[in-house]
Amino acid sequence: MHWRQHVRLARALSQICQGHAIKTVARDADYASCSAFSSMFHRVLGITPTHYMKQVIER
């Protein structure tokens, strides 16, 4: 993983945990679309941002 992607992903995880919308998180992470962000997220973490957010809320 490239360091920029790692930094963006760490910030995105923090924003998701704070309850920010995936669309907002994707835009803040400098992705052109939610689907591009979701693809990267799933490729790196093995779970979609939506499922990750649901797990955070359940805790």
PDB file of N, CA and C in Angstrom:
ATOM      1  N   MET A   1       0.852  -1.174   0.000  1.00  0.00           N
ATOM      2  CA  MET A   1       0.000   0.000   0.000  1.00  0.00           C
ATOM      3  C   MET A   1       0.899   1.239   0.000  1.00  0.00           C
ATOM      4  N   HIS A   2       0.565   2.177  -0.832  1.00  0.00           N
ATOM      5  CA  HIS A   2       1.320   3.421  -0.877  1.00  0.00           C
ATOM      6  C   HIS A   2       1.007   4.253   0.364  1.00  0.00           C
ATOM      7  N   TRP A   3       1.978   5.024   0.806  1.00  0.00           N
ATOM      8  CA  TRP A   3       1.802   5.760   2.058  1.00  0.00           C
ATOM      9  C   TRP A   3       0.644   6.749   1.986  1.00  0.00           C
ATOM     10  N   ARG A   4       0.418   7.366   0.839  1.00  0.00           N
ATOM     11  CA  ARG A   4      -0.704   8.325   0.730  1.00  0.00           C
ATOM     12  C   ARG A   4      -2.041   7.615   0.919  1.00  0.00           C
ATOM     13  N   GLN A   5      -2.153   6.456   0.297  1.00  0.00           N
ATOM     14  CA  GLN A   5      -3.373   5.686   0.430  1.00  0.00           C
ATOM     15  C   GLN A   5      -3.573   5.267   1.886  1.00  0.00           C
ATOM     16  N   HIS A   6      -2.499   4.899   2.550  1.00  0.00           N
ATOM     17  CA  HIS A   6      -2.556   4.504   3.951  1.00  0.00           C
ATOM     18  C   HIS A   6      -3.053   5.659   4.820  1.00  0.00           C
ATOM     19  N   VAL A   7      -2.525   6.842   4.586  1.00  0.00           N
ATOM     20  CA  VAL A   7      -2.939   8.025   5.349  1.00  0.00           C
ATOM     21  C   VAL A   7      -4.403   8.348   5.082  1.00  0.00           C
ATOM     22  N   ARG A   8      -4.806   8.293   3.812  1.00  0.00           N
ATOM     23  CA  ARG A   8      -6.210   8.569   3.457  1.00  0.00           C
ATOM     24  C   ARG A   8      -7.151   7.557   4.103  1.00  0.00           C
ATOM     25  N   LEU A   9      -6.725   6.302   4.097  1.00  0.00           N
ATOM     26  CA  LEU A   9      -7.556   5.261   4.682  1.00  0.00           C
ATOM     27  C   LEU A   9      -7.677   5.444   6.196  1.00  0.00           C
ATOM     28  N   ALA A  10      -6.598   5.795   6.861  1.00  0.00           N
ATOM     29  CA  ALA A  10      -6.640   6.026   8.312  1.00  0.00           C
ATOM     30  C   ALA A  10      -7.590   7.176   8.645  1.00  0.00           C
ATOM     31  N   ARG A  11      -7.518   8.228   7.875  1.00  0.00           N
ATOM     32  CA  ARG A  11      -8.421   9.366   8.103  1.00  0.00           C
ATOM     33  C   ARG A  11      -9.864   8.963   7.816  1.00  0.00           C
ATOM     34  N   ALA A  12     -10.062   8.202   6.743  1.00  0.00           N
ATOM     35  CA  ALA A  12     -11.408   7.748   6.388  1.00  0.00           C
ATOM     36  C   ALA A  12     -12.005   6.888   7.499  1.00  0.00           C
ATOM     37  N   LEU A  13     -11.205   5.992   8.064  1.00  0.00           N
ATOM     38  CA  LEU A  13     -11.692   5.148   9.157  1.00  0.00           C
ATOM     39  C   LEU A  13     -12.134   6.002  10.346  1.00  0.00           C
ATOM     40  N   SER A  14     -11.353   7.025  10.635  1.00  0.00           N
ATOM     41  CA  SER A  14     -11.697   7.924  11.732  1.00  0.00           C
ATOM     42  C   SER A  14     -13.017   8.639  11.448  1.00  0.00           C
ATOM     43  N   GLN A  15     -13.177   9.118  10.225  1.00  0.00           N
ATOM     44  CA  GLN A  15     -14.409   9.824   9.860  1.00  0.00           C
ATOM     45  C   GLN A  15     -15.618   8.894   9.898  1.00  0.00           C
ATOM     46  N   ILE A  16     -15.433   7.668   9.419  1.00  0.00           N
ATOM     47  CA  ILE A  16     -16.530   6.698   9.446  1.00  0.00           C
ATOM     48  C   ILE A  16     -16.939   6.418  10.889  1.00  0.00           C
ATOM     49  N   CYS A  17     -15.964   6.271  11.769  1.00  0.00           N
ATOM     50  CA  CYS A  17     -16.258   6.036  13.186  1.00  0.00           C
ATOM     51  C   CYS A  17     -16.989   7.206  13.825  1.00  0.00           C
ATOM     52  N   GLN A  18     -16.781   8.390  13.292  1.00  0.00           N
ATOM     53  CA  GLN A  18     -17.458   9.581  13.804  1.00  0.00           C
ATOM     54  C   GLN A  18     -18.850   9.748  13.198  1.00  0.00           C
ATOM     55  N   GLY A  19     -19.206   8.850  12.265  1.00  0.00           N
ATOM     56  CA  GLY A  19     -20.552   8.882  11.696  1.00  0.00           C
ATOM     57  C   GLY A  19     -20.700   9.688  10.425  1.00  0.00           C
ATOM     58  N   HIS A  20     -19.601  10.088   9.802  1.00  0.00           N
ATOM     59  CA  HIS A  20     -19.684  10.845   8.557  1.00  0.00           C
ATOM     60  C   HIS A  20     -20.223   9.959   7.440  1.00  0.00           C
ATOM     61  N   ALA A  21     -20.927  10.549   6.511  1.00  0.00           N
ATOM     62  CA  ALA A  21     -21.465   9.816   5.362  1.00  0.00           C
ATOM     63  C   ALA A  21     -20.326   9.324   4.474  1.00  0.00           C
ATOM     64  N   ILE A  22     -20.503   8.148   3.887  1.00  0.00           N
ATOM     65  CA  ILE A  22     -19.484   7.559   3.021  1.00  0.00           C
ATOM     66  C   ILE A  22     -19.167   8.508   1.861  1.00  0.00           C
ATOM     67  N   LYS A  23     -20.175   9.150   1.325  1.00  0.00           N
ATOM     68  CA  LYS A  23     -19.977  10.101   0.218  1.00  0.00           C
ATOM     69  C   LYS A  23     -19.030  11.221   0.634  1.00  0.00           C
ATOM     70  N   THR A  24     -19.207  11.735   1.821  1.00  0.00           N
ATOM     71  CA  THR A  24     -18.346  12.796   2.343  1.00  0.00           C
ATOM     72  C   THR A  24     -16.933  12.281   2.577  1.00  0.00           C
ATOM     73  N   VAL A  25     -16.827  11.097   3.153  1.00  0.00           N
ATOM     74  CA  VAL A  25     -15.524  10.498   3.429  1.00  0.00           C
ATOM     75  C   VAL A  25     -14.763  10.269   2.123  1.00  0.00           C
ATOM     76  N   ALA A  26     -15.451   9.738   1.115  1.00  0.00           N
ATOM     77  CA  ALA A  26     -14.820   9.482  -0.183  1.00  0.00           C
ATOM     78  C   ALA A  26     -14.310  10.778  -0.806  1.00  0.00           C
ATOM     79  N   ARG A  27     -15.113  11.812  -0.752  1.00  0.00           N
ATOM     80  CA  ARG A  27     -14.717  13.108  -1.308  1.00  0.00           C
ATOM     81  C   ARG A  27     -13.523  13.677  -0.549  1.00  0.00           C
ATOM     82  N   ASP A  28     -13.555  13.604   0.774  1.00  0.00           N
ATOM     83  CA  ASP A  28     -12.442  14.111   1.589  1.00  0.00           C
ATOM     84  C   ASP A  28     -11.153  13.319   1.360  1.00  0.00           C
ATOM     85  N   ALA A  29     -11.292  12.043   1.001  1.00  0.00           N
ATOM     86  CA  ALA A  29     -10.125  11.204   0.737  1.00  0.00           C
ATOM     87  C   ALA A  29      -9.615  11.405  -0.691  1.00  0.00           C
ATOM     88  N   ASP A  30     -10.250  12.319  -1.407  1.00  0.00           N
ATOM     89  CA  ASP A  30      -9.820  12.692  -2.765  1.00  0.00           C
ATOM     90  C   ASP A  30     -10.125  11.627  -3.814  1.00  0.00           C
ATOM     91  N   TYR A  31     -11.204  10.886  -3.623  1.00  0.00           N
ATOM     92  CA  TYR A  31     -11.638   9.912  -4.623  1.00  0.00           C
ATOM     93  C   TYR A  31     -12.703  10.551  -5.497  1.00  0.00           C
ATOM     94  N   ALA A  32     -12.678  10.220  -6.783  1.00  0.00           N
ATOM     95  CA  ALA A  32     -13.596  10.813  -7.752  1.00  0.00           C
ATOM     96  C   ALA A  32     -15.034  10.333  -7.550  1.00  0.00           C
ATOM     97  N   SER A  33     -15.193   9.150  -6.961  1.00  0.00           N
ATOM     98  CA  SER A  33     -16.537   8.616  -6.754  1.00  0.00           C
ATOM     99  C   SER A  33     -16.567   7.738  -5.503  1.00  0.00           C
ATOM    100  N   CYS A  34     -17.775   7.525  -5.022  1.00  0.00           N
ATOM    101  CA  CYS A  34     -17.952   6.626  -3.874  1.00  0.00           C
ATOM    102  C   CYS A  34     -17.546   5.208  -4.251  1.00  0.00           C
ATOM    103  N   SER A  35     -17.839   4.803  -5.477  1.00  0.00           N
ATOM    104  CA  SER A  35     -17.518   3.427  -5.867  1.00  0.00           C
ATOM    105  C   SER A  35     -16.008   3.209  -5.944  1.00  0.00           C
ATOM    106  N   ALA A  36     -15.260   4.208  -6.389  1.00  0.00           N
ATOM    107  CA  ALA A  36     -13.795   4.084  -6.419  1.00  0.00           C
ATOM    108  C   ALA A  36     -13.255   3.952  -4.996  1.00  0.00           C
ATOM    109  N   PHE A  37     -13.783   4.766  -4.095  1.00  0.00           N
ATOM    110  CA  PHE A  37     -13.380   4.699  -2.694  1.00  0.00           C
ATOM    111  C   PHE A  37     -13.756   3.344  -2.091  1.00  0.00           C
ATOM    112  N   SER A  38     -14.974   2.899  -2.355  1.00  0.00           N
ATOM    113  CA  SER A  38     -15.445   1.627  -1.817  1.00  0.00           C
ATOM    114  C   SER A  38     -14.611   0.458  -2.328  1.00  0.00           C
ATOM    115  N   SER A  39     -14.224   0.508  -3.591  1.00  0.00           N
ATOM    116  CA  SER A  39     -13.382  -0.549  -4.163  1.00  0.00           C
ATOM    117  C   SER A  39     -12.037  -0.623  -3.461  1.00  0.00           C
ATOM    118  N   MET A  40     -11.406   0.529  -3.258  1.00  0.00           N
ATOM    119  CA  MET A  40     -10.128   0.567  -2.557  1.00  0.00           C
ATOM    120  C   MET A  40     -10.298   0.063  -1.131  1.00  0.00           C
ATOM    121  N   PHE A  41     -11.319   0.527  -0.451  1.00  0.00           N
ATOM    122  CA  PHE A  41     -11.587   0.149   0.928  1.00  0.00           C
ATOM    123  C   PHE A  41     -11.751  -1.369   1.037  1.00  0.00           C
ATOM    124  N   HIS A  42     -12.552  -1.932   0.154  1.00  0.00           N
ATOM    125  CA  HIS A  42     -12.801  -3.369   0.165  1.00  0.00           C
ATOM    126  C   HIS A  42     -11.546  -4.154  -0.193  1.00  0.00           C
ATOM    127  N   ARG A  43     -10.791  -3.667  -1.153  1.00  0.00           N
ATOM    128  CA  ARG A  43      -9.558  -4.346  -1.559  1.00  0.00           C
ATOM    129  C   ARG A  43      -8.556  -4.400  -0.405  1.00  0.00           C
ATOM    130  N   VAL A  44      -8.448  -3.305   0.335  1.00  0.00           N
ATOM    131  CA  VAL A  44      -7.455  -3.218   1.410  1.00  0.00           C
ATOM    132  C   VAL A  44      -7.934  -3.895   2.694  1.00  0.00           C
ATOM    133  N   LEU A  45      -9.184  -3.675   3.067  1.00  0.00           N
ATOM    134  CA  LEU A  45      -9.677  -4.170   4.356  1.00  0.00           C
ATOM    135  C   LEU A  45     -10.553  -5.412   4.261  1.00  0.00           C
ATOM    136  N   GLY A  46     -10.987  -5.764   3.052  1.00  0.00           N
ATOM    137  CA  GLY A  46     -11.805  -6.953   2.888  1.00  0.00           C
ATOM    138  C   GLY A  46     -13.250  -6.785   3.302  1.00  0.00           C
ATOM    139  N   ILE A  47     -13.687  -5.554   3.457  1.00  0.00           N
ATOM    140  CA  ILE A  47     -15.059  -5.253   3.860  1.00  0.00           C
ATOM    141  C   ILE A  47     -15.438  -3.908   3.234  1.00  0.00           C
ATOM    142  N   THR A  48     -16.704  -3.734   2.928  1.00  0.00           N
ATOM    143  CA  THR A  48     -17.132  -2.464   2.338  1.00  0.00           C
ATOM    144  C   THR A  48     -17.246  -1.396   3.424  1.00  0.00           C
ATOM    145  N   PRO A  49     -17.174  -0.132   3.032  1.00  0.00           N
ATOM    146  CA  PRO A  49     -17.322   0.937   4.034  1.00  0.00           C
ATOM    147  C   PRO A  49     -18.666   0.867   4.762  1.00  0.00           C
ATOM    148  N   THR A  50     -19.717   0.506   4.050  1.00  0.00           N
ATOM    149  CA  THR A  50     -21.038   0.413   4.669  1.00  0.00           C
ATOM    150  C   THR A  50     -21.073  -0.676   5.738  1.00  0.00           C
ATOM    151  N   HIS A  51     -20.504  -1.831   5.434  1.00  0.00           N
ATOM    152  CA  HIS A  51     -20.467  -2.904   6.441  1.00  0.00           C
ATOM    153  C   HIS A  51     -19.572  -2.531   7.615  1.00  0.00           C
ATOM    154  N   TYR A  52     -18.481  -1.856   7.328  1.00  0.00           N
ATOM    155  CA  TYR A  52     -17.597  -1.395   8.398  1.00  0.00           C
ATOM    156  C   TYR A  52     -18.361  -0.438   9.311  1.00  0.00           C
ATOM    157  N   MET A  53     -19.100   0.493   8.698  1.00  0.00           N
ATOM    158  CA  MET A  53     -19.860   1.473   9.479  1.00  0.00           C
ATOM    159  C   MET A  53     -20.899   0.761  10.350  1.00  0.00           C
ATOM    160  N   LYS A  54     -21.560  -0.248   9.825  1.00  0.00           N
ATOM    161  CA  LYS A  54     -22.542  -0.999  10.609  1.00  0.00           C
ATOM    162  C   LYS A  54     -21.894  -1.675  11.801  1.00  0.00           C
ATOM    163  N   GLN A  55     -20.689  -2.218  11.617  1.00  0.00           N
ATOM    164  CA  GLN A  55     -19.982  -2.853  12.723  1.00  0.00           C
ATOM    165  C   GLN A  55     -19.616  -1.832  13.796  1.00  0.00           C
ATOM    166  N   VAL A  56     -19.222  -0.645  13.384  1.00  0.00           N
ATOM    167  CA  VAL A  56     -18.872   0.408  14.339  1.00  0.00           C
ATOM    168  C   VAL A  56     -20.099   0.817  15.146  1.00  0.00           C
ATOM    169  N   ILE A  57     -21.230   0.949  14.485  1.00  0.00           N
ATOM    170  CA  ILE A  57     -22.454   1.366  15.162  1.00  0.00           C
ATOM    171  C   ILE A  57     -22.926   0.304  16.155  1.00  0.00           C
ATOM    172  N   GLU A  58     -22.740  -0.980  15.803  1.00  0.00           N
ATOM    173  CA  GLU A  58     -23.191  -2.060  16.679  1.00  0.00           C
ATOM    174  C   GLU A  58     -22.395  -2.162  17.969  1.00  0.00           C
ATOM    175  N   ARG A  59     -21.202  -1.587  17.995  1.00  0.00           N
ATOM    176  CA  ARG A  59     -20.368  -1.692  19.205  1.00  0.00           C
ATOM    177  C   ARG A  59     -20.791  -0.751  20.246  1.00  0.00           C
TER     178      ARG A  59
END
